[in-house]
Amino acid sequence: MQRALSLDEESAQAWKGLAALLDGLGLSDQLPAAAAWCEANGADSVAAIVEVEMVAEFVEALALKPVKAKQVVKRIEAGMA
């Protein structure tokens, strides 16, 4: 029987998704900035960023080079986060 996830476990899974997204693009050094943006904006997961249509703002805050920024957007929109 599957148990309900605690708030801490849910949060850890959300951060793993964010870490996996950035790591998959060789951007793991951006995790602190991404996490800070999420915290400042109340996003608890990549899915939350997509839900409220703030992907552009999230990517802009990371100050990525254009190709990496587009890759992040495409992966988020494709649900690969």
PDB file of N, CA and C in Angstrom:
ATOM      1  N   MET A   1       0.838  -1.173   0.000  1.00  0.00           N
ATOM      2  CA  MET A   1       0.000   0.000   0.000  1.00  0.00           C
ATOM      3  C   MET A   1       0.891   1.248   0.000  1.00  0.00           C
ATOM      4  N   GLN A   2       0.557   2.185  -0.852  1.00  0.00           N
ATOM      5  CA  GLN A   2       1.336   3.416  -0.971  1.00  0.00           C
ATOM      6  C   GLN A   2       0.895   4.426   0.078  1.00  0.00           C
ATOM      7  N   ARG A   3       1.876   5.056   0.723  1.00  0.00           N
ATOM      8  CA  ARG A   3       1.519   6.047   1.736  1.00  0.00           C
ATOM      9  C   ARG A   3       1.576   7.436   1.113  1.00  0.00           C
ATOM     10  N   ALA A   4       0.866   8.359   1.719  1.00  0.00           N
ATOM     11  CA  ALA A   4       0.881   9.741   1.251  1.00  0.00           C
ATOM     12  C   ALA A   4       2.258  10.341   1.534  1.00  0.00           C
ATOM     13  N   LEU A   5       2.726  11.161   0.621  1.00  0.00           N
ATOM     14  CA  LEU A   5       4.015  11.824   0.812  1.00  0.00           C
ATOM     15  C   LEU A   5       3.874  12.952   1.821  1.00  0.00           C
ATOM     16  N   SER A   6       4.884  13.100   2.641  1.00  0.00           N
ATOM     17  CA  SER A   6       4.895  14.228   3.566  1.00  0.00           C
ATOM     18  C   SER A   6       5.274  15.474   2.790  1.00  0.00           C
ATOM     19  N   LEU A   7       5.074  16.625   3.407  1.00  0.00           N
ATOM     20  CA  LEU A   7       5.440  17.884   2.771  1.00  0.00           C
ATOM     21  C   LEU A   7       6.919  17.901   2.426  1.00  0.00           C
ATOM     22  N   ASP A   8       7.770  17.404   3.328  1.00  0.00           N
ATOM     23  CA  ASP A   8       9.202  17.384   3.074  1.00  0.00           C
ATOM     24  C   ASP A   8       9.550  16.484   1.894  1.00  0.00           C
ATOM     25  N   GLU A   9       8.895  15.318   1.790  1.00  0.00           N
ATOM     26  CA  GLU A   9       9.157  14.406   0.676  1.00  0.00           C
ATOM     27  C   GLU A   9       8.691  15.011  -0.644  1.00  0.00           C
ATOM     28  N   GLU A  10       7.531  15.666  -0.618  1.00  0.00           N
ATOM     29  CA  GLU A  10       7.031  16.321  -1.829  1.00  0.00           C
ATOM     30  C   GLU A  10       8.004  17.405  -2.271  1.00  0.00           C
ATOM     31  N   SER A  11       8.468  18.187  -1.330  1.00  0.00           N
ATOM     32  CA  SER A  11       9.404  19.264  -1.622  1.00  0.00           C
ATOM     33  C   SER A  11      10.700  18.706  -2.182  1.00  0.00           C
ATOM     34  N   ALA A  12      11.194  17.624  -1.595  1.00  0.00           N
ATOM     35  CA  ALA A  12      12.432  17.001  -2.067  1.00  0.00           C
ATOM     36  C   ALA A  12      12.260  16.501  -3.495  1.00  0.00           C
ATOM     37  N   GLN A  13      11.105  15.916  -3.799  1.00  0.00           N
ATOM     38  CA  GLN A  13      10.866  15.435  -5.161  1.00  0.00           C
ATOM     39  C   GLN A  13      10.793  16.598  -6.147  1.00  0.00           C
ATOM     40  N   ALA A  14      10.196  17.700  -5.749  1.00  0.00           N
ATOM     41  CA  ALA A  14      10.119  18.870  -6.622  1.00  0.00           C
ATOM     42  C   ALA A  14      11.509  19.403  -6.911  1.00  0.00           C
ATOM     43  N   TRP A  15      12.359  19.470  -5.868  1.00  0.00           N
ATOM     44  CA  TRP A  15      13.729  19.963  -6.069  1.00  0.00           C
ATOM     45  C   TRP A  15      14.528  19.004  -6.924  1.00  0.00           C
ATOM     46  N   LYS A  16      14.275  17.688  -6.798  1.00  0.00           N
ATOM     47  CA  LYS A  16      14.964  16.720  -7.644  1.00  0.00           C
ATOM     48  C   LYS A  16      14.601  16.957  -9.102  1.00  0.00           C
ATOM     49  N   GLY A  17      13.344  17.282  -9.357  1.00  0.00           N
ATOM     50  CA  GLY A  17      12.909  17.564 -10.719  1.00  0.00           C
ATOM     51  C   GLY A  17      13.620  18.778 -11.283  1.00  0.00           C
ATOM     52  N   LEU A  18      13.760  19.798 -10.473  1.00  0.00           N
ATOM     53  CA  LEU A  18      14.457  21.009 -10.890  1.00  0.00           C
ATOM     54  C   LEU A  18      15.927  20.707 -11.115  1.00  0.00           C
ATOM     55  N   ALA A  19      16.521  19.962 -10.197  1.00  0.00           N
ATOM     56  CA  ALA A  19      17.935  19.595 -10.323  1.00  0.00           C
ATOM     57  C   ALA A  19      18.157  18.733 -11.563  1.00  0.00           C
ATOM     58  N   ALA A  20      17.252  17.797 -11.822  1.00  0.00           N
ATOM     59  CA  ALA A  20      17.383  16.924 -12.986  1.00  0.00           C
ATOM     60  C   ALA A  20      17.272  17.719 -14.287  1.00  0.00           C
ATOM     61  N   LEU A  21      16.354  18.666 -14.311  1.00  0.00           N
ATOM     62  CA  LEU A  21      16.198  19.519 -15.494  1.00  0.00           C
ATOM     63  C   LEU A  21      17.491  20.265 -15.798  1.00  0.00           C
ATOM     64  N   LEU A  22      18.028  20.920 -14.794  1.00  0.00           N
ATOM     65  CA  LEU A  22      19.247  21.718 -15.003  1.00  0.00           C
ATOM     66  C   LEU A  22      20.454  20.833 -15.258  1.00  0.00           C
ATOM     67  N   ASP A  23      20.582  19.740 -14.517  1.00  0.00           N
ATOM     68  CA  ASP A  23      21.711  18.835 -14.694  1.00  0.00           C
ATOM     69  C   ASP A  23      21.714  18.227 -16.091  1.00  0.00           C
ATOM     70  N   GLY A  24      20.525  17.912 -16.595  1.00  0.00           N
ATOM     71  CA  GLY A  24      20.400  17.327 -17.927  1.00  0.00           C
ATOM     72  C   GLY A  24      20.895  18.245 -19.036  1.00  0.00           C
ATOM     73  N   LEU A  25      21.003  19.516 -18.732  1.00  0.00           N
ATOM     74  CA  LEU A  25      21.489  20.494 -19.716  1.00  0.00           C
ATOM     75  C   LEU A  25      22.875  21.026 -19.347  1.00  0.00           C
ATOM     76  N   GLY A  26      23.510  20.394 -18.369  1.00  0.00           N
ATOM     77  CA  GLY A  26      24.823  20.853 -17.936  1.00  0.00           C
ATOM     78  C   GLY A  26      24.777  22.175 -17.197  1.00  0.00           C
ATOM     79  N   LEU A  27      23.649  22.440 -16.536  1.00  0.00           N
ATOM     80  CA  LEU A  27      23.456  23.713 -15.843  1.00  0.00           C
ATOM     81  C   LEU A  27      23.285  23.530 -14.339  1.00  0.00           C
ATOM     82  N   SER A  28      23.879  22.489 -13.785  1.00  0.00           N
ATOM     83  CA  SER A  28      23.694  22.235 -12.354  1.00  0.00           C
ATOM     84  C   SER A  28      24.201  23.385 -11.495  1.00  0.00           C
ATOM     85  N   ASP A  29      25.130  24.180 -12.027  1.00  0.00           N
ATOM     86  CA  ASP A  29      25.612  25.348 -11.280  1.00  0.00           C
ATOM     87  C   ASP A  29      24.539  26.417 -11.123  1.00  0.00           C
ATOM     88  N   GLN A  30      23.455  26.301 -11.879  1.00  0.00           N
ATOM     89  CA  GLN A  30      22.351  27.257 -11.806  1.00  0.00           C
ATOM     90  C   GLN A  30      21.305  26.886 -10.760  1.00  0.00           C
ATOM     91  N   LEU A  31      21.473  25.720 -10.117  1.00  0.00           N
ATOM     92  CA  LEU A  31      20.465  25.273  -9.154  1.00  0.00           C
ATOM     93  C   LEU A  31      20.235  26.264  -8.016  1.00  0.00           C
ATOM     94  N   PRO A  32      21.285  26.845  -7.409  1.00  0.00           N
ATOM     95  CA  PRO A  32      21.017  27.805  -6.340  1.00  0.00           C
ATOM     96  C   PRO A  32      20.179  29.008  -6.807  1.00  0.00           C
ATOM     97  N   ALA A  33      20.474  29.534  -7.992  1.00  0.00           N
ATOM     98  CA  ALA A  33      19.705  30.672  -8.517  1.00  0.00           C
ATOM     99  C   ALA A  33      18.273  30.247  -8.835  1.00  0.00           C
ATOM    100  N   ALA A  34      18.114  29.057  -9.402  1.00  0.00           N
ATOM    101  CA  ALA A  34      16.777  28.561  -9.739  1.00  0.00           C
ATOM    102  C   ALA A  34      15.959  28.332  -8.469  1.00  0.00           C
ATOM    103  N   ALA A  35      16.586  27.738  -7.467  1.00  0.00           N
ATOM    104  CA  ALA A  35      15.894  27.478  -6.209  1.00  0.00           C
ATOM    105  C   ALA A  35      15.517  28.790  -5.513  1.00  0.00           C
ATOM    106  N   ALA A  36      16.415  29.760  -5.559  1.00  0.00           N
ATOM    107  CA  ALA A  36      16.129  31.069  -4.954  1.00  0.00           C
ATOM    108  C   ALA A  36      14.951  31.736  -5.654  1.00  0.00           C
ATOM    109  N   TRP A  37      14.906  31.650  -6.977  1.00  0.00           N
ATOM    110  CA  TRP A  37      13.797  32.237  -7.733  1.00  0.00           C
ATOM    111  C   TRP A  37      12.493  31.540  -7.344  1.00  0.00           C
ATOM    112  N   CYS A  38      12.534  30.217  -7.294  1.00  0.00           N
ATOM    113  CA  CYS A  38      11.330  29.464  -6.932  1.00  0.00           C
ATOM    114  C   CYS A  38      10.834  29.864  -5.547  1.00  0.00           C
ATOM    115  N   GLU A  39      11.750  29.946  -4.615  1.00  0.00           N
ATOM    116  CA  GLU A  39      11.374  30.317  -3.256  1.00  0.00           C
ATOM    117  C   GLU A  39      10.797  31.736  -3.206  1.00  0.00           C
ATOM    118  N   ALA A  40      11.451  32.664  -3.895  1.00  0.00           N
ATOM    119  CA  ALA A  40      10.997  34.061  -3.894  1.00  0.00           C
ATOM    120  C   ALA A  40       9.631  34.221  -4.553  1.00  0.00           C
ATOM    121  N   ASN A  41       9.323  33.333  -5.496  1.00  0.00           N
ATOM    122  CA  ASN A  41       8.070  33.452  -6.237  1.00  0.00           C
ATOM    123  C   ASN A  41       7.003  32.455  -5.799  1.00  0.00           C
ATOM    124  N   GLY A  42       7.323  31.643  -4.806  1.00  0.00           N
ATOM    125  CA  GLY A  42       6.341  30.706  -4.277  1.00  0.00           C
ATOM    126  C   GLY A  42       6.108  29.468  -5.114  1.00  0.00           C
ATOM    127  N   ALA A  43       7.041  29.147  -6.002  1.00  0.00           N
ATOM    128  CA  ALA A  43       6.907  27.947  -6.829  1.00  0.00           C
ATOM    129  C   ALA A  43       7.511  26.765  -6.086  1.00  0.00           C
ATOM    130  N   ASP A  44       6.738  25.714  -5.919  1.00  0.00           N
ATOM    131  CA  ASP A  44       7.252  24.544  -5.217  1.00  0.00           C
ATOM    132  C   ASP A  44       7.632  23.406  -6.157  1.00  0.00           C
ATOM    133  N   SER A  45       7.501  23.648  -7.463  1.00  0.00           N
ATOM    134  CA  SER A  45       7.890  22.642  -8.455  1.00  0.00           C
ATOM    135  C   SER A  45       7.947  23.288  -9.832  1.00  0.00           C
ATOM    136  N   VAL A  46       8.556  22.572 -10.752  1.00  0.00           N
ATOM    137  CA  VAL A  46       8.580  23.036 -12.139  1.00  0.00           C
ATOM    138  C   VAL A  46       7.155  23.055 -12.686  1.00  0.00           C
ATOM    139  N   ALA A  47       6.361  22.086 -12.280  1.00  0.00           N
ATOM    140  CA  ALA A  47       4.968  22.033 -12.728  1.00  0.00           C
ATOM    141  C   ALA A  47       4.206  23.291 -12.315  1.00  0.00           C
ATOM    142  N   ALA A  48       4.503  23.809 -11.135  1.00  0.00           N
ATOM    143  CA  ALA A  48       3.839  25.037 -10.672  1.00  0.00           C
ATOM    144  C   ALA A  48       4.219  26.218 -11.552  1.00  0.00           C
ATOM    145  N   ILE A  49       5.473  26.261 -11.982  1.00  0.00           N
ATOM    146  CA  ILE A  49       5.933  27.347 -12.863  1.00  0.00           C
ATOM    147  C   ILE A  49       5.172  27.293 -14.185  1.00  0.00           C
ATOM    148  N   VAL A  50       4.997  26.092 -14.702  1.00  0.00           N
ATOM    149  CA  VAL A  50       4.268  25.906 -15.962  1.00  0.00           C
ATOM    150  C   VAL A  50       2.793  26.273 -15.770  1.00  0.00           C
ATOM    151  N   GLU A  51       2.208  25.803 -14.682  1.00  0.00           N
ATOM    152  CA  GLU A  51       0.789  26.033 -14.415  1.00  0.00           C
ATOM    153  C   GLU A  51       0.429  27.507 -14.423  1.00  0.00           C
ATOM    154  N   VAL A  52       1.291  28.341 -13.864  1.00  0.00           N
ATOM    155  CA  VAL A  52       0.991  29.768 -13.792  1.00  0.00           C
ATOM    156  C   VAL A  52       1.643  30.563 -14.925  1.00  0.00           C
ATOM    157  N   GLU A  53       2.158  29.838 -15.904  1.00  0.00           N
ATOM    158  CA  GLU A  53       2.735  30.435 -17.109  1.00  0.00           C
ATOM    159  C   GLU A  53       3.848  31.439 -16.801  1.00  0.00           C
ATOM    160  N   MET A  54       4.787  30.996 -15.942  1.00  0.00           N
ATOM    161  CA  MET A  54       5.914  31.852 -15.586  1.00  0.00           C
ATOM    162  C   MET A  54       7.253  31.265 -16.049  1.00  0.00           C
ATOM    163  N   VAL A  55       7.204  30.418 -17.068  1.00  0.00           N
ATOM    164  CA  VAL A  55       8.429  29.794 -17.574  1.00  0.00           C
ATOM    165  C   VAL A  55       9.404  30.860 -18.069  1.00  0.00           C
ATOM    166  N   ALA A  56       8.923  31.830 -18.823  1.00  0.00           N
ATOM    167  CA  ALA A  56       9.797  32.878 -19.364  1.00  0.00           C
ATOM    168  C   ALA A  56      10.478  33.659 -18.245  1.00  0.00           C
ATOM    169  N   GLU A  57       9.718  33.978 -17.200  1.00  0.00           N
ATOM    170  CA  GLU A  57      10.286  34.722 -16.076  1.00  0.00           C
ATOM    171  C   GLU A  57      11.342  33.899 -15.345  1.00  0.00           C
ATOM    172  N   PHE A  58      11.061  32.606 -15.182  1.00  0.00           N
ATOM    173  CA  PHE A  58      12.001  31.707 -14.531  1.00  0.00           C
ATOM    174  C   PHE A  58      13.315  31.644 -15.313  1.00  0.00           C
ATOM    175  N   VAL A  59      13.211  31.417 -16.606  1.00  0.00           N
ATOM    176  CA  VAL A  59      14.408  31.301 -17.439  1.00  0.00           C
ATOM    177  C   VAL A  59      15.166  32.629 -17.488  1.00  0.00           C
ATOM    178  N   GLU A  60      14.454  33.724 -17.588  1.00  0.00           N
ATOM    179  CA  GLU A  60      15.087  35.047 -17.607  1.00  0.00           C
ATOM    180  C   GLU A  60      15.895  35.294 -16.333  1.00  0.00           C
ATOM    181  N   ALA A  61      15.372  34.854 -15.214  1.00  0.00           N
ATOM    182  CA  ALA A  61      16.055  35.063 -13.937  1.00  0.00           C
ATOM    183  C   ALA A  61      17.379  34.306 -13.856  1.00  0.00           C
ATOM    184  N   LEU A  62      17.518  33.253 -14.640  1.00  0.00           N
ATOM    185  CA  LEU A  62      18.760  32.480 -14.630  1.00  0.00           C
ATOM    186  C   LEU A  62      19.854  33.121 -15.474  1.00  0.00           C
ATOM    187  N   ALA A  63      19.491  34.107 -16.273  1.00  0.00           N
ATOM    188  CA  ALA A  63      20.453  34.839 -17.117  1.00  0.00           C
ATOM    189  C   ALA A  63      21.309  33.884 -17.940  1.00  0.00           C
ATOM    190  N   LEU A  64      20.649  32.973 -18.638  1.00  0.00           N
ATOM    191  CA  LEU A  64      21.351  31.995 -19.461  1.00  0.00           C
ATOM    192  C   LEU A  64      21.658  32.549 -20.847  1.00  0.00           C
ATOM    193  N   LYS A  65      22.616  31.926 -21.503  1.00  0.00           N
ATOM    194  CA  LYS A  65      22.872  32.263 -22.898  1.00  0.00           C
ATOM    195  C   LYS A  65      21.665  31.791 -23.701  1.00  0.00           C
ATOM    196  N   PRO A  66      21.418  32.423 -24.856  1.00  0.00           N
ATOM    197  CA  PRO A  66      20.177  32.155 -25.606  1.00  0.00           C
ATOM    198  C   PRO A  66      19.897  30.684 -25.918  1.00  0.00           C
ATOM    199  N   VAL A  67      20.888  29.930 -26.334  1.00  0.00           N
ATOM    200  CA  VAL A  67      20.638  28.528 -26.683  1.00  0.00           C
ATOM    201  C   VAL A  67      20.237  27.726 -25.450  1.00  0.00           C
ATOM    202  N   LYS A  68      20.943  27.911 -24.354  1.00  0.00           N
ATOM    203  CA  LYS A  68      20.601  27.187 -23.121  1.00  0.00           C
ATOM    204  C   LYS A  68      19.215  27.606 -22.620  1.00  0.00           C
ATOM    205  N   ALA A  69      18.906  28.885 -22.724  1.00  0.00           N
ATOM    206  CA  ALA A  69      17.596  29.360 -22.295  1.00  0.00           C
ATOM    207  C   ALA A  69      16.492  28.677 -23.101  1.00  0.00           C
ATOM    208  N   LYS A  70      16.672  28.590 -24.411  1.00  0.00           N
ATOM    209  CA  LYS A  70      15.661  27.930 -25.262  1.00  0.00           C
ATOM    210  C   LYS A  70      15.550  26.453 -24.921  1.00  0.00           C
ATOM    211  N   GLN A  71      16.695  25.822 -24.619  1.00  0.00           N
ATOM    212  CA  GLN A  71      16.661  24.403 -24.255  1.00  0.00           C
ATOM    213  C   GLN A  71      15.876  24.194 -22.967  1.00  0.00           C
ATOM    214  N   VAL A  72      16.071  25.047 -21.992  1.00  0.00           N
ATOM    215  CA  VAL A  72      15.327  24.938 -20.740  1.00  0.00           C
ATOM    216  C   VAL A  72      13.836  25.081 -21.005  1.00  0.00           C
ATOM    217  N   VAL A  73      13.466  26.097 -21.776  1.00  0.00           N
ATOM    218  CA  VAL A  73      12.054  26.326 -22.100  1.00  0.00           C
ATOM    219  C   VAL A  73      11.469  25.102 -22.798  1.00  0.00           C
ATOM    220  N   LYS A  74      12.158  24.581 -23.795  1.00  0.00           N
ATOM    221  CA  LYS A  74      11.648  23.437 -24.547  1.00  0.00           C
ATOM    222  C   LYS A  74      11.481  22.214 -23.660  1.00  0.00           C
ATOM    223  N   ARG A  75      12.434  21.969 -22.786  1.00  0.00           N
ATOM    224  CA  ARG A  75      12.340  20.799 -21.901  1.00  0.00           C
ATOM    225  C   ARG A  75      11.209  20.962 -20.903  1.00  0.00           C
ATOM    226  N   ILE A  76      11.043  22.149 -20.383  1.00  0.00           N
ATOM    227  CA  ILE A  76       9.944  22.373 -19.453  1.00  0.00           C
ATOM    228  C   ILE A  76       8.615  22.196 -20.174  1.00  0.00           C
ATOM    229  N   GLU A  77       8.483  22.785 -21.343  1.00  0.00           N
ATOM    230  CA  GLU A  77       7.233  22.689 -22.087  1.00  0.00           C
ATOM    231  C   GLU A  77       6.937  21.262 -22.544  1.00  0.00           C
ATOM    232  N   ALA A  78       7.993  20.486 -22.782  1.00  0.00           N
ATOM    233  CA  ALA A  78       7.808  19.099 -23.198  1.00  0.00           C
ATOM    234  C   ALA A  78       7.513  18.179 -22.015  1.00  0.00           C
ATOM    235  N   GLY A  79       7.584  18.748 -20.813  1.00  0.00           N
ATOM    236  CA  GLY A  79       7.299  17.951 -19.625  1.00  0.00           C
ATOM    237  C   GLY A  79       8.440  17.058 -19.221  1.00  0.00           C
ATOM    238  N   MET A  80       9.649  17.419 -19.621  1.00  0.00           N
ATOM    239  CA  MET A  80      10.812  16.605 -19.298  1.00  0.00           C
ATOM    240  C   MET A  80      11.416  16.994 -17.958  1.00  0.00           C
ATOM    241  N   ALA A  81      10.798  17.923 -17.261  1.00  0.00           N
ATOM    242  CA  ALA A  81      11.343  18.359 -15.968  1.00  0.00           C
ATOM    243  C   ALA A  81      11.011  17.358 -14.888  1.00  0.00           C
TER     244      ALA A  81
END
